[in-house]
């Protein structure tokens, strides 16, 4: 088995595709499952319902840091700052992936700040716009989650994510209740994603257990150098996400990311029938190793509402009546391992007209 990484496939979407985004993703679900994620680039005719002005988003970075767990393994724990541990100054510029990971490998007994912040229930998309304009708020209600009822769907809201500086880190996570996820890059530097499909989760957990590393895989408690995944033949895939591009994560996928420059992005969860049929939804939180009460880990919905008959009816009415038109797929497996040129002069208080 080879662990040599390849980039996930890139799909091209037009204005009709994004009006029924969940249906569009369902049409390519087999590809999504295989790689754990896909990237979507928008045609010029796509119209997004974005805010022209934004409210005050001057949120400071969360006071969380990464520390190298073992000097022999480039695996990092994510913790609150320990005042007894020296902080390392970050580089003011990240040139490429190799530069980023080399800088982390020098941490040893020092800490480095993540330089990120999360703003739940915050979005740069306008709500309740014409269906000719894409609005991320509509995605959960287009998905299988609609079977849980309007009140439940309204609990699934966007989360705005800010990278404050070059080399900002979003550690390894899985979405709440192992749902699917849609991530939109608003502005700033390239995001470098590392995607571990659900099928590789057990292999990764076994590796960490053998190294006596007790870390939760779901809730941002660990960050892993991809050379470790390659060394132990754990399959993973890469994504370089630029502004105005979507990344879709399959149910149960593990992902981590760092940014080339400061940026804003946002994400929202949704469900396809396989979320129930393949038992992603019923995975217990009992195996979570976080010191967090299980009833406060995330929003959950009543799985008893997702009966087989209702799922079949939803699929027939909302997903199956699809015109099987051809779609260009760009397989960017040979993309160079350097940053693509994107707008990067993002200051701390501006989104350049958003």
C-alpha atoms as a PDB file:
ATOM      1  CA  UNK A   1       0.000   0.000   0.000  1.00  0.00           C
ATOM      2  CA  UNK A   2       1.366   3.392  -0.989  1.00  0.00           C
ATOM      3  CA  UNK A   3       1.070   6.497   1.165  1.00  0.00           C
ATOM      4  CA  UNK A   4       2.347   8.816  -1.554  1.00  0.00           C
ATOM      5  CA  UNK A   5      -0.125  11.717  -1.413  1.00  0.00           C
ATOM      6  CA  UNK A   6      -2.087  13.050  -4.341  1.00  0.00           C
ATOM      7  CA  UNK A   7      -4.239  16.111  -4.589  1.00  0.00           C
ATOM      8  CA  UNK A   8      -7.990  15.643  -4.349  1.00  0.00           C
ATOM      9  CA  UNK A   9      -9.925  16.109  -7.609  1.00  0.00           C
ATOM     10  CA  UNK A  10     -11.149  19.571  -8.549  1.00  0.00           C
ATOM     11  CA  UNK A  11     -14.675  20.001  -9.923  1.00  0.00           C
ATOM     12  CA  UNK A  12     -15.999  22.923 -11.943  1.00  0.00           C
ATOM     13  CA  UNK A  13     -19.438  24.241 -10.922  1.00  0.00           C
ATOM     14  CA  UNK A  14     -21.721  26.619 -12.814  1.00  0.00           C
ATOM     15  CA  UNK A  15     -24.605  28.791 -11.605  1.00  0.00           C
ATOM     16  CA  UNK A  16     -27.113  25.932 -11.828  1.00  0.00           C
ATOM     17  CA  UNK A  17     -24.884  23.644  -9.765  1.00  0.00           C
ATOM     18  CA  UNK A  18     -24.495  26.065  -6.864  1.00  0.00           C
ATOM     19  CA  UNK A  19     -28.229  26.797  -6.703  1.00  0.00           C
ATOM     20  CA  UNK A  20     -28.687  23.125  -5.737  1.00  0.00           C
ATOM     21  CA  UNK A  21     -25.303  22.606  -4.130  1.00  0.00           C
ATOM     22  CA  UNK A  22     -26.219  19.516  -2.077  1.00  0.00           C
ATOM     23  CA  UNK A  23     -27.609  17.793  -5.164  1.00  0.00           C
ATOM     24  CA  UNK A  24     -24.425  18.685  -7.044  1.00  0.00           C
ATOM     25  CA  UNK A  25     -22.254  17.156  -4.309  1.00  0.00           C
ATOM     26  CA  UNK A  26     -24.439  14.034  -4.126  1.00  0.00           C
ATOM     27  CA  UNK A  27     -23.882  13.521  -7.846  1.00  0.00           C
ATOM     28  CA  UNK A  28     -20.149  13.182  -7.156  1.00  0.00           C
ATOM     29  CA  UNK A  29     -20.321  11.447  -3.783  1.00  0.00           C
ATOM     30  CA  UNK A  30     -18.317   8.394  -4.836  1.00  0.00           C
ATOM     31  CA  UNK A  31     -15.379  10.638  -5.706  1.00  0.00           C
ATOM     32  CA  UNK A  32     -15.846  12.490  -2.421  1.00  0.00           C
ATOM     33  CA  UNK A  33     -15.788   9.253  -0.405  1.00  0.00           C
ATOM     34  CA  UNK A  34     -12.706   7.930  -2.180  1.00  0.00           C
ATOM     35  CA  UNK A  35     -10.540  10.957  -1.418  1.00  0.00           C
ATOM     36  CA  UNK A  36     -12.274  12.218   1.724  1.00  0.00           C
ATOM     37  CA  UNK A  37     -12.664  15.642   0.100  1.00  0.00           C
ATOM     38  CA  UNK A  38     -13.074  17.472  -3.200  1.00  0.00           C
ATOM     39  CA  UNK A  39     -12.312  21.024  -4.282  1.00  0.00           C
ATOM     40  CA  UNK A  40     -14.842  23.070  -6.249  1.00  0.00           C
ATOM     41  CA  UNK A  41     -13.956  25.983  -8.502  1.00  0.00           C
ATOM     42  CA  UNK A  42     -16.727  28.319  -9.647  1.00  0.00           C
ATOM     43  CA  UNK A  43     -17.431  29.352 -13.217  1.00  0.00           C
ATOM     44  CA  UNK A  44     -17.606  33.056 -13.964  1.00  0.00           C
ATOM     45  CA  UNK A  45     -21.427  32.927 -14.131  1.00  0.00           C
ATOM     46  CA  UNK A  46     -21.753  31.955 -10.437  1.00  0.00           C
ATOM     47  CA  UNK A  47     -23.284  34.609  -8.195  1.00  0.00           C
ATOM     48  CA  UNK A  48     -22.655  34.532  -4.435  1.00  0.00           C
ATOM     49  CA  UNK A  49     -24.737  36.458  -1.894  1.00  0.00           C
ATOM     50  CA  UNK A  50     -21.782  38.083  -0.120  1.00  0.00           C
ATOM     51  CA  UNK A  51     -21.956  41.059   2.218  1.00  0.00           C
ATOM     52  CA  UNK A  52     -20.514  44.289   0.839  1.00  0.00           C
ATOM     53  CA  UNK A  53     -19.698  45.510   4.320  1.00  0.00           C
ATOM     54  CA  UNK A  54     -19.005  43.502   7.407  1.00  0.00           C
ATOM     55  CA  UNK A  55     -19.565  44.127  11.078  1.00  0.00           C
ATOM     56  CA  UNK A  56     -16.720  44.468  13.541  1.00  0.00           C
ATOM     57  CA  UNK A  57     -14.687  41.246  13.443  1.00  0.00           C
ATOM     58  CA  UNK A  58     -11.701  42.375  15.485  1.00  0.00           C
ATOM     59  CA  UNK A  59     -11.407  39.085  17.328  1.00  0.00           C
ATOM     60  CA  UNK A  60      -8.040  38.250  18.902  1.00  0.00           C
ATOM     61  CA  UNK A  61      -6.444  34.873  18.202  1.00  0.00           C
ATOM     62  CA  UNK A  62      -7.354  32.176  20.701  1.00  0.00           C
ATOM     63  CA  UNK A  63      -4.683  31.649  23.353  1.00  0.00           C
ATOM     64  CA  UNK A  64      -3.841  28.140  22.179  1.00  0.00           C
ATOM     65  CA  UNK A  65      -0.424  26.815  21.247  1.00  0.00           C
ATOM     66  CA  UNK A  66       1.240  23.757  19.773  1.00  0.00           C
ATOM     67  CA  UNK A  67       4.066  21.866  21.439  1.00  0.00           C
ATOM     68  CA  UNK A  68       6.170  19.063  19.998  1.00  0.00           C
ATOM     69  CA  UNK A  69       5.203  15.874  21.837  1.00  0.00           C
ATOM     70  CA  UNK A  70       8.369  13.894  21.171  1.00  0.00           C
ATOM     71  CA  UNK A  71      11.669  15.170  19.792  1.00  0.00           C
ATOM     72  CA  UNK A  72      11.893  12.119  17.515  1.00  0.00           C
ATOM     73  CA  UNK A  73       8.420  12.473  15.986  1.00  0.00           C
ATOM     74  CA  UNK A  74       7.031  15.650  14.353  1.00  0.00           C
ATOM     75  CA  UNK A  75       3.650  15.322  16.045  1.00  0.00           C
ATOM     76  CA  UNK A  76       2.325  18.294  18.012  1.00  0.00           C
ATOM     77  CA  UNK A  77      -0.189  18.633  20.822  1.00  0.00           C
ATOM     78  CA  UNK A  78      -2.541  21.614  21.007  1.00  0.00           C
ATOM     79  CA  UNK A  79      -2.867  23.139  24.457  1.00  0.00           C
ATOM     80  CA  UNK A  80      -3.473  26.284  26.415  1.00  0.00           C
ATOM     81  CA  UNK A  81      -0.302  28.253  27.073  1.00  0.00           C
ATOM     82  CA  UNK A  82       1.976  26.909  29.785  1.00  0.00           C
ATOM     83  CA  UNK A  83       3.709  29.923  31.308  1.00  0.00           C
ATOM     84  CA  UNK A  84       6.678  27.722  32.183  1.00  0.00           C
ATOM     85  CA  UNK A  85       7.346  26.917  28.522  1.00  0.00           C
ATOM     86  CA  UNK A  86       9.172  29.355  26.273  1.00  0.00           C
ATOM     87  CA  UNK A  87       7.281  30.712  23.268  1.00  0.00           C
ATOM     88  CA  UNK A  88       9.001  30.676  19.904  1.00  0.00           C
ATOM     89  CA  UNK A  89       8.677  33.637  17.588  1.00  0.00           C
ATOM     90  CA  UNK A  90       6.996  32.776  14.308  1.00  0.00           C
ATOM     91  CA  UNK A  91       8.506  33.623  10.951  1.00  0.00           C
ATOM     92  CA  UNK A  92       6.944  36.721   9.402  1.00  0.00           C
ATOM     93  CA  UNK A  93       6.714  34.960   6.037  1.00  0.00           C
ATOM     94  CA  UNK A  94       5.994  31.390   4.982  1.00  0.00           C
ATOM     95  CA  UNK A  95       7.509  30.648   1.588  1.00  0.00           C
ATOM     96  CA  UNK A  96       6.127  27.156   0.964  1.00  0.00           C
ATOM     97  CA  UNK A  97       5.082  23.920   2.659  1.00  0.00           C
ATOM     98  CA  UNK A  98       8.641  22.752   3.281  1.00  0.00           C
ATOM     99  CA  UNK A  99       9.499  26.061   4.952  1.00  0.00           C
ATOM    100  CA  UNK A 100       6.457  25.799   7.236  1.00  0.00           C
ATOM    101  CA  UNK A 101       7.117  22.232   8.406  1.00  0.00           C
ATOM    102  CA  UNK A 102      10.842  22.889   8.873  1.00  0.00           C
ATOM    103  CA  UNK A 103      10.047  25.808  11.174  1.00  0.00           C
ATOM    104  CA  UNK A 104       7.760  23.586  13.262  1.00  0.00           C
ATOM    105  CA  UNK A 105      10.343  20.824  13.549  1.00  0.00           C
ATOM    106  CA  UNK A 106      12.602  23.252  15.438  1.00  0.00           C
ATOM    107  CA  UNK A 107      10.102  23.737  18.282  1.00  0.00           C
ATOM    108  CA  UNK A 108      11.490  21.033  20.602  1.00  0.00           C
ATOM    109  CA  UNK A 109      10.462  22.197  24.105  1.00  0.00           C
ATOM    110  CA  UNK A 110       9.060  25.534  22.969  1.00  0.00           C
ATOM    111  CA  UNK A 111       5.506  26.557  22.066  1.00  0.00           C
ATOM    112  CA  UNK A 112       4.061  28.306  19.032  1.00  0.00           C
ATOM    113  CA  UNK A 113       0.708  30.072  18.861  1.00  0.00           C
ATOM    114  CA  UNK A 114      -1.949  28.847  16.412  1.00  0.00           C
ATOM    115  CA  UNK A 115      -2.824  32.461  15.447  1.00  0.00           C
ATOM    116  CA  UNK A 116      -6.376  31.537  14.490  1.00  0.00           C
ATOM    117  CA  UNK A 117      -9.842  32.329  15.781  1.00  0.00           C
ATOM    118  CA  UNK A 118     -13.282  30.798  15.260  1.00  0.00           C
ATOM    119  CA  UNK A 119     -16.507  32.811  15.216  1.00  0.00           C
ATOM    120  CA  UNK A 120     -19.526  30.461  15.453  1.00  0.00           C
ATOM    121  CA  UNK A 121     -22.859  31.686  14.098  1.00  0.00           C
ATOM    122  CA  UNK A 122     -21.059  34.337  12.038  1.00  0.00           C
ATOM    123  CA  UNK A 123     -21.101  34.594   8.260  1.00  0.00           C
ATOM    124  CA  UNK A 124     -20.075  36.878   5.420  1.00  0.00           C
ATOM    125  CA  UNK A 125     -22.971  35.560   3.327  1.00  0.00           C
ATOM    126  CA  UNK A 126     -26.315  37.349   3.223  1.00  0.00           C
ATOM    127  CA  UNK A 127     -29.345  35.307   4.294  1.00  0.00           C
ATOM    128  CA  UNK A 128     -32.663  34.802   2.494  1.00  0.00           C
ATOM    129  CA  UNK A 129     -31.487  36.034  -0.874  1.00  0.00           C
ATOM    130  CA  UNK A 130     -32.781  35.099  -4.307  1.00  0.00           C
ATOM    131  CA  UNK A 131     -32.132  31.465  -5.205  1.00  0.00           C
ATOM    132  CA  UNK A 132     -30.080  32.693  -8.145  1.00  0.00           C
ATOM    133  CA  UNK A 133     -27.430  33.763  -5.604  1.00  0.00           C
ATOM    134  CA  UNK A 134     -25.660  31.158  -3.471  1.00  0.00           C
ATOM    135  CA  UNK A 135     -26.165  31.537   0.288  1.00  0.00           C
ATOM    136  CA  UNK A 136     -24.286  29.133   2.556  1.00  0.00           C
ATOM    137  CA  UNK A 137     -27.062  29.284   5.191  1.00  0.00           C
ATOM    138  CA  UNK A 138     -29.358  27.273   2.885  1.00  0.00           C
ATOM    139  CA  UNK A 139     -27.072  24.237   2.659  1.00  0.00           C
ATOM    140  CA  UNK A 140     -28.193  22.344   5.828  1.00  0.00           C
ATOM    141  CA  UNK A 141     -31.845  22.786   4.844  1.00  0.00           C
ATOM    142  CA  UNK A 142     -31.181  21.392   1.361  1.00  0.00           C
ATOM    143  CA  UNK A 143     -29.541  18.343   2.905  1.00  0.00           C
ATOM    144  CA  UNK A 144     -30.828  15.282   4.753  1.00  0.00           C
ATOM    145  CA  UNK A 145     -30.847  17.354   7.957  1.00  0.00           C
ATOM    146  CA  UNK A 146     -34.185  18.809   6.825  1.00  0.00           C
ATOM    147  CA  UNK A 147     -35.809  15.584   8.094  1.00  0.00           C
ATOM    148  CA  UNK A 148     -35.015  16.743  11.642  1.00  0.00           C
ATOM    149  CA  UNK A 149     -37.308  19.754  11.208  1.00  0.00           C
ATOM    150  CA  UNK A 150     -36.867  23.493  10.842  1.00  0.00           C
ATOM    151  CA  UNK A 151     -35.887  24.113  14.474  1.00  0.00           C
ATOM    152  CA  UNK A 152     -33.085  21.549  14.276  1.00  0.00           C
ATOM    153  CA  UNK A 153     -31.818  22.813  10.916  1.00  0.00           C
ATOM    154  CA  UNK A 154     -31.591  26.372  12.240  1.00  0.00           C
ATOM    155  CA  UNK A 155     -29.081  25.219  14.868  1.00  0.00           C
ATOM    156  CA  UNK A 156     -26.573  24.383  12.125  1.00  0.00           C
ATOM    157  CA  UNK A 157     -25.089  27.778  11.334  1.00  0.00           C
ATOM    158  CA  UNK A 158     -21.898  28.934   9.588  1.00  0.00           C
ATOM    159  CA  UNK A 159     -18.645  29.361  11.473  1.00  0.00           C
ATOM    160  CA  UNK A 160     -16.321  32.136  10.304  1.00  0.00           C
ATOM    161  CA  UNK A 161     -12.624  31.273  10.595  1.00  0.00           C
ATOM    162  CA  UNK A 162      -9.814  33.804  10.708  1.00  0.00           C
ATOM    163  CA  UNK A 163      -6.108  33.200  10.170  1.00  0.00           C
ATOM    164  CA  UNK A 164      -4.398  36.203  11.735  1.00  0.00           C
ATOM    165  CA  UNK A 165      -0.889  35.822  10.329  1.00  0.00           C
ATOM    166  CA  UNK A 166       1.231  33.766   7.913  1.00  0.00           C
ATOM    167  CA  UNK A 167       1.612  30.180   9.053  1.00  0.00           C
ATOM    168  CA  UNK A 168      -1.626  30.151  11.074  1.00  0.00           C
ATOM    169  CA  UNK A 169      -2.703  26.638  12.056  1.00  0.00           C
ATOM    170  CA  UNK A 170      -6.062  24.859  12.112  1.00  0.00           C
ATOM    171  CA  UNK A 171      -5.288  21.531  13.850  1.00  0.00           C
ATOM    172  CA  UNK A 172      -6.691  18.076  13.108  1.00  0.00           C
ATOM    173  CA  UNK A 173     -10.469  17.859  13.485  1.00  0.00           C
ATOM    174  CA  UNK A 174     -13.546  15.973  12.397  1.00  0.00           C
ATOM    175  CA  UNK A 175     -16.879  17.746  11.995  1.00  0.00           C
ATOM    176  CA  UNK A 176     -19.520  17.603  14.711  1.00  0.00           C
ATOM    177  CA  UNK A 177     -21.366  14.276  14.704  1.00  0.00           C
ATOM    178  CA  UNK A 178     -19.116  13.322  11.748  1.00  0.00           C
ATOM    179  CA  UNK A 179     -21.265  15.291   9.287  1.00  0.00           C
ATOM    180  CA  UNK A 180     -20.246  16.460   5.817  1.00  0.00           C
ATOM    181  CA  UNK A 181     -18.769  19.963   5.648  1.00  0.00           C
ATOM    182  CA  UNK A 182     -18.579  22.802   3.116  1.00  0.00           C
ATOM    183  CA  UNK A 183     -15.761  25.359   3.463  1.00  0.00           C
ATOM    184  CA  UNK A 184     -15.548  28.614   1.463  1.00  0.00           C
ATOM    185  CA  UNK A 185     -12.335  30.672   1.236  1.00  0.00           C
ATOM    186  CA  UNK A 186     -13.288  34.369   1.268  1.00  0.00           C
ATOM    187  CA  UNK A 187      -9.963  36.125   1.042  1.00  0.00           C
ATOM    188  CA  UNK A 188      -6.260  35.944   1.828  1.00  0.00           C
ATOM    189  CA  UNK A 189      -3.433  33.490   1.350  1.00  0.00           C
ATOM    190  CA  UNK A 190      -3.602  29.908   0.129  1.00  0.00           C
ATOM    191  CA  UNK A 191      -4.834  27.265   2.579  1.00  0.00           C
ATOM    192  CA  UNK A 192      -2.817  24.034   2.622  1.00  0.00           C
ATOM    193  CA  UNK A 193      -5.111  21.152   3.610  1.00  0.00           C
ATOM    194  CA  UNK A 194      -4.180  17.606   4.618  1.00  0.00           C
ATOM    195  CA  UNK A 195      -7.076  15.178   4.283  1.00  0.00           C
ATOM    196  CA  UNK A 196      -7.243  11.773   6.008  1.00  0.00           C
ATOM    197  CA  UNK A 197     -10.227   9.744   4.723  1.00  0.00           C
ATOM    198  CA  UNK A 198     -12.483   8.022   7.229  1.00  0.00           C
ATOM    199  CA  UNK A 199     -11.121   4.620   6.162  1.00  0.00           C
ATOM    200  CA  UNK A 200      -7.663   5.588   7.507  1.00  0.00           C
ATOM    201  CA  UNK A 201      -8.859   6.716  10.932  1.00  0.00           C
ATOM    202  CA  UNK A 202      -8.206   3.396  12.678  1.00  0.00           C
ATOM    203  CA  UNK A 203      -4.674   3.190  11.262  1.00  0.00           C
ATOM    204  CA  UNK A 204      -3.905   6.687  12.549  1.00  0.00           C
ATOM    205  CA  UNK A 205      -5.328   5.937  15.992  1.00  0.00           C
ATOM    206  CA  UNK A 206      -3.271   2.725  16.162  1.00  0.00           C
ATOM    207  CA  UNK A 207      -0.110   4.655  15.282  1.00  0.00           C
ATOM    208  CA  UNK A 208      -0.717   7.216  18.035  1.00  0.00           C
ATOM    209  CA  UNK A 209      -1.482   4.493  20.577  1.00  0.00           C
ATOM    210  CA  UNK A 210       1.793   2.708  19.754  1.00  0.00           C
ATOM    211  CA  UNK A 211       3.638   5.975  20.366  1.00  0.00           C
ATOM    212  CA  UNK A 212       1.785   6.400  23.695  1.00  0.00           C
ATOM    213  CA  UNK A 213       0.189   9.590  22.400  1.00  0.00           C
ATOM    214  CA  UNK A 214      -3.216  10.091  23.957  1.00  0.00           C
ATOM    215  CA  UNK A 215      -4.918  12.706  21.795  1.00  0.00           C
ATOM    216  CA  UNK A 216      -8.435  13.241  20.526  1.00  0.00           C
ATOM    217  CA  UNK A 217      -8.670  13.062  16.737  1.00  0.00           C
ATOM    218  CA  UNK A 218     -11.932  15.006  16.537  1.00  0.00           C
ATOM    219  CA  UNK A 219     -11.575  18.266  18.430  1.00  0.00           C
ATOM    220  CA  UNK A 220      -8.397  20.063  17.389  1.00  0.00           C
ATOM    221  CA  UNK A 221      -6.014  18.553  19.943  1.00  0.00           C
ATOM    222  CA  UNK A 222      -3.238  17.397  17.603  1.00  0.00           C
ATOM    223  CA  UNK A 223      -1.311  18.511  14.495  1.00  0.00           C
ATOM    224  CA  UNK A 224       0.677  16.000  12.432  1.00  0.00           C
ATOM    225  CA  UNK A 225       3.569  16.462  10.023  1.00  0.00           C
ATOM    226  CA  UNK A 226       2.569  14.599   6.820  1.00  0.00           C
ATOM    227  CA  UNK A 227       5.958  12.867   6.693  1.00  0.00           C
ATOM    228  CA  UNK A 228       4.722  10.739   9.606  1.00  0.00           C
ATOM    229  CA  UNK A 229       1.691   9.664   7.584  1.00  0.00           C
ATOM    230  CA  UNK A 230       3.932   8.732   4.668  1.00  0.00           C
ATOM    231  CA  UNK A 231       6.369   6.835   6.877  1.00  0.00           C
ATOM    232  CA  UNK A 232       3.622   4.632   8.310  1.00  0.00           C
ATOM    233  CA  UNK A 233       1.658   4.255   5.049  1.00  0.00           C
ATOM    234  CA  UNK A 234      -1.414   6.153   6.202  1.00  0.00           C
ATOM    235  CA  UNK A 235      -3.170   7.409   3.081  1.00  0.00           C
ATOM    236  CA  UNK A 236      -3.820  11.127   2.938  1.00  0.00           C
ATOM    237  CA  UNK A 237      -4.494  13.750   0.280  1.00  0.00           C
ATOM    238  CA  UNK A 238      -3.611  17.403  -0.220  1.00  0.00           C
ATOM    239  CA  UNK A 239      -5.556  20.496  -1.224  1.00  0.00           C
ATOM    240  CA  UNK A 240      -4.347  23.995  -2.025  1.00  0.00           C
ATOM    241  CA  UNK A 241      -7.398  26.218  -1.610  1.00  0.00           C
ATOM    242  CA  UNK A 242      -7.387  29.752  -3.007  1.00  0.00           C
ATOM    243  CA  UNK A 243      -9.970  32.524  -2.523  1.00  0.00           C
ATOM    244  CA  UNK A 244     -13.387  31.894  -4.109  1.00  0.00           C
ATOM    245  CA  UNK A 245     -12.917  28.117  -3.928  1.00  0.00           C
ATOM    246  CA  UNK A 246     -14.923  25.564  -1.939  1.00  0.00           C
ATOM    247  CA  UNK A 247     -13.619  22.483  -0.143  1.00  0.00           C
ATOM    248  CA  UNK A 248     -16.121  19.726   0.650  1.00  0.00           C
ATOM    249  CA  UNK A 249     -15.281  17.170   3.349  1.00  0.00           C
ATOM    250  CA  UNK A 250     -16.928  13.758   3.375  1.00  0.00           C
ATOM    251  CA  UNK A 251     -18.578  12.332   6.491  1.00  0.00           C
ATOM    252  CA  UNK A 252     -16.008  11.207   9.056  1.00  0.00           C
ATOM    253  CA  UNK A 253     -13.045  12.800   7.274  1.00  0.00           C
ATOM    254  CA  UNK A 254     -10.161  14.101   9.386  1.00  0.00           C
ATOM    255  CA  UNK A 255      -8.540  17.319   8.188  1.00  0.00           C
ATOM    256  CA  UNK A 256      -5.929  19.863   9.213  1.00  0.00           C
ATOM    257  CA  UNK A 257      -4.734  23.042   7.564  1.00  0.00           C
ATOM    258  CA  UNK A 258      -2.256  25.899   7.669  1.00  0.00           C
ATOM    259  CA  UNK A 259      -2.366  29.204   5.807  1.00  0.00           C
ATOM    260  CA  UNK A 260       0.177  30.994   3.655  1.00  0.00           C
ATOM    261  CA  UNK A 261      -1.012  34.440   4.798  1.00  0.00           C
ATOM    262  CA  UNK A 262      -3.790  36.014   6.851  1.00  0.00           C
ATOM    263  CA  UNK A 263      -7.232  35.002   5.607  1.00  0.00           C
ATOM    264  CA  UNK A 264     -10.959  34.639   6.217  1.00  0.00           C
ATOM    265  CA  UNK A 265     -12.975  31.516   5.443  1.00  0.00           C
ATOM    266  CA  UNK A 266     -16.168  29.932   6.720  1.00  0.00           C
ATOM    267  CA  UNK A 267     -17.735  26.513   6.918  1.00  0.00           C
ATOM    268  CA  UNK A 268     -21.073  24.825   7.535  1.00  0.00           C
ATOM    269  CA  UNK A 269     -22.132  21.194   8.000  1.00  0.00           C
ATOM    270  CA  UNK A 270     -24.744  19.190   6.111  1.00  0.00           C
ATOM    271  CA  UNK A 271     -25.781  15.569   5.566  1.00  0.00           C
ATOM    272  CA  UNK A 272     -26.273  13.147   2.691  1.00  0.00           C
ATOM    273  CA  UNK A 273     -28.149   9.819   3.066  1.00  0.00           C
ATOM    274  CA  UNK A 274     -24.864   7.926   3.539  1.00  0.00           C
ATOM    275  CA  UNK A 275     -24.374   9.801   6.824  1.00  0.00           C
ATOM    276  CA  UNK A 276     -27.111   7.567   8.246  1.00  0.00           C
ATOM    277  CA  UNK A 277     -26.750   4.541   5.970  1.00  0.00           C
ATOM    278  CA  UNK A 278     -23.021   4.116   6.691  1.00  0.00           C
ATOM    279  CA  UNK A 279     -23.516   4.816  10.423  1.00  0.00           C
ATOM    280  CA  UNK A 280     -21.364   7.945  10.643  1.00  0.00           C
ATOM    281  CA  UNK A 281     -24.155   9.612  12.611  1.00  0.00           C
ATOM    282  CA  UNK A 282     -24.252   6.933  15.290  1.00  0.00           C
ATOM    283  CA  UNK A 283     -20.555   6.994  16.153  1.00  0.00           C
ATOM    284  CA  UNK A 284     -20.429   7.433  19.908  1.00  0.00           C
ATOM    285  CA  UNK A 285     -18.563  10.256  21.612  1.00  0.00           C
ATOM    286  CA  UNK A 286     -17.536   7.766  24.297  1.00  0.00           C
ATOM    287  CA  UNK A 287     -14.175   7.290  22.579  1.00  0.00           C
ATOM    288  CA  UNK A 288     -13.426  11.024  22.689  1.00  0.00           C
ATOM    289  CA  UNK A 289     -10.328  11.722  24.780  1.00  0.00           C
ATOM    290  CA  UNK A 290     -11.072  15.392  25.420  1.00  0.00           C
ATOM    291  CA  UNK A 291     -11.769  16.639  28.929  1.00  0.00           C
ATOM    292  CA  UNK A 292     -15.063  18.047  27.691  1.00  0.00           C
ATOM    293  CA  UNK A 293     -18.527  16.978  28.899  1.00  0.00           C
ATOM    294  CA  UNK A 294     -20.044  14.859  26.130  1.00  0.00           C
ATOM    295  CA  UNK A 295     -23.297  16.811  26.178  1.00  0.00           C
ATOM    296  CA  UNK A 296     -21.435  20.015  25.286  1.00  0.00           C
ATOM    297  CA  UNK A 297     -19.211  18.716  22.492  1.00  0.00           C
ATOM    298  CA  UNK A 298     -21.490  19.771  19.645  1.00  0.00           C
ATOM    299  CA  UNK A 299     -25.001  20.201  18.376  1.00  0.00           C
ATOM    300  CA  UNK A 300     -26.733  16.883  17.851  1.00  0.00           C
ATOM    301  CA  UNK A 301     -30.080  15.933  16.366  1.00  0.00           C
ATOM    302  CA  UNK A 302     -32.453  13.056  17.080  1.00  0.00           C
ATOM    303  CA  UNK A 303     -31.389  10.181  14.836  1.00  0.00           C
ATOM    304  CA  UNK A 304     -34.750   8.463  15.318  1.00  0.00           C
ATOM    305  CA  UNK A 305     -36.213  11.021  12.912  1.00  0.00           C
ATOM    306  CA  UNK A 306     -34.154   9.596  10.033  1.00  0.00           C
ATOM    307  CA  UNK A 307     -36.221   6.534   9.159  1.00  0.00           C
ATOM    308  CA  UNK A 308     -35.483   4.438   6.084  1.00  0.00           C
ATOM    309  CA  UNK A 309     -38.748   5.439   4.405  1.00  0.00           C
ATOM    310  CA  UNK A 310     -38.157   9.155   4.958  1.00  0.00           C
ATOM    311  CA  UNK A 311     -34.571   8.895   3.691  1.00  0.00           C
ATOM    312  CA  UNK A 312     -35.755   7.146   0.523  1.00  0.00           C
ATOM    313  CA  UNK A 313     -38.456   9.777   0.011  1.00  0.00           C
ATOM    314  CA  UNK A 314     -35.937  12.594   0.523  1.00  0.00           C
ATOM    315  CA  UNK A 315     -33.480  11.001  -1.911  1.00  0.00           C
ATOM    316  CA  UNK A 316     -36.111  10.504  -4.598  1.00  0.00           C
ATOM    317  CA  UNK A 317     -37.554  14.003  -4.257  1.00  0.00           C
ATOM    318  CA  UNK A 318     -34.376  16.020  -3.740  1.00  0.00           C
ATOM    319  CA  UNK A 319     -31.391  14.150  -5.137  1.00  0.00           C
ATOM    320  CA  UNK A 320     -32.288  11.540  -7.748  1.00  0.00           C
ATOM    321  CA  UNK A 321     -34.018  13.808 -10.268  1.00  0.00           C
ATOM    322  CA  UNK A 322     -30.692  15.028 -11.577  1.00  0.00           C
ATOM    323  CA  UNK A 323     -29.768  15.628 -15.183  1.00  0.00           C
ATOM    324  CA  UNK A 324     -26.607  13.575 -15.663  1.00  0.00           C
ATOM    325  CA  UNK A 325     -24.706  16.220 -17.528  1.00  0.00           C
ATOM    326  CA  UNK A 326     -20.973  15.871 -17.923  1.00  0.00           C
ATOM    327  CA  UNK A 327     -18.714  17.877 -15.651  1.00  0.00           C
ATOM    328  CA  UNK A 328     -15.104  18.794 -16.213  1.00  0.00           C
ATOM    329  CA  UNK A 329     -12.849  17.321 -13.545  1.00  0.00           C
ATOM    330  CA  UNK A 330      -9.375  18.758 -13.202  1.00  0.00           C
ATOM    331  CA  UNK A 331      -7.045  16.181 -11.674  1.00  0.00           C
ATOM    332  CA  UNK A 332      -4.317  18.407 -10.316  1.00  0.00           C
ATOM    333  CA  UNK A 333      -2.129  15.595  -8.995  1.00  0.00           C
ATOM    334  CA  UNK A 334       0.955  17.247 -10.468  1.00  0.00           C
ATOM    335  CA  UNK A 335       0.432  20.606  -8.777  1.00  0.00           C
ATOM    336  CA  UNK A 336       3.814  21.878  -7.515  1.00  0.00           C
ATOM    337  CA  UNK A 337       4.349  21.869  -3.770  1.00  0.00           C
ATOM    338  CA  UNK A 338       4.608  25.651  -3.617  1.00  0.00           C
ATOM    339  CA  UNK A 339       2.078  28.351  -2.925  1.00  0.00           C
ATOM    340  CA  UNK A 340      -0.062  29.636  -5.749  1.00  0.00           C
ATOM    341  CA  UNK A 341      -0.154  33.381  -6.254  1.00  0.00           C
ATOM    342  CA  UNK A 342      -3.177  34.832  -4.433  1.00  0.00           C
ATOM    343  CA  UNK A 343      -4.105  38.143  -2.827  1.00  0.00           C
ATOM    344  CA  UNK A 344      -2.138  38.321   0.400  1.00  0.00           C
ATOM    345  CA  UNK A 345      -2.090  41.978   1.424  1.00  0.00           C
ATOM    346  CA  UNK A 346      -4.877  41.373   3.917  1.00  0.00           C
ATOM    347  CA  UNK A 347      -4.663  43.712   6.859  1.00  0.00           C
ATOM    348  CA  UNK A 348      -6.272  42.987  10.207  1.00  0.00           C
ATOM    349  CA  UNK A 349      -9.352  45.139   9.674  1.00  0.00           C
ATOM    350  CA  UNK A 350     -10.253  44.797   6.014  1.00  0.00           C
ATOM    351  CA  UNK A 351     -11.769  42.277   3.684  1.00  0.00           C
ATOM    352  CA  UNK A 352     -11.288  44.461   0.601  1.00  0.00           C
ATOM    353  CA  UNK A 353     -14.909  45.291  -0.030  1.00  0.00           C
ATOM    354  CA  UNK A 354     -16.577  42.220   1.460  1.00  0.00           C
END
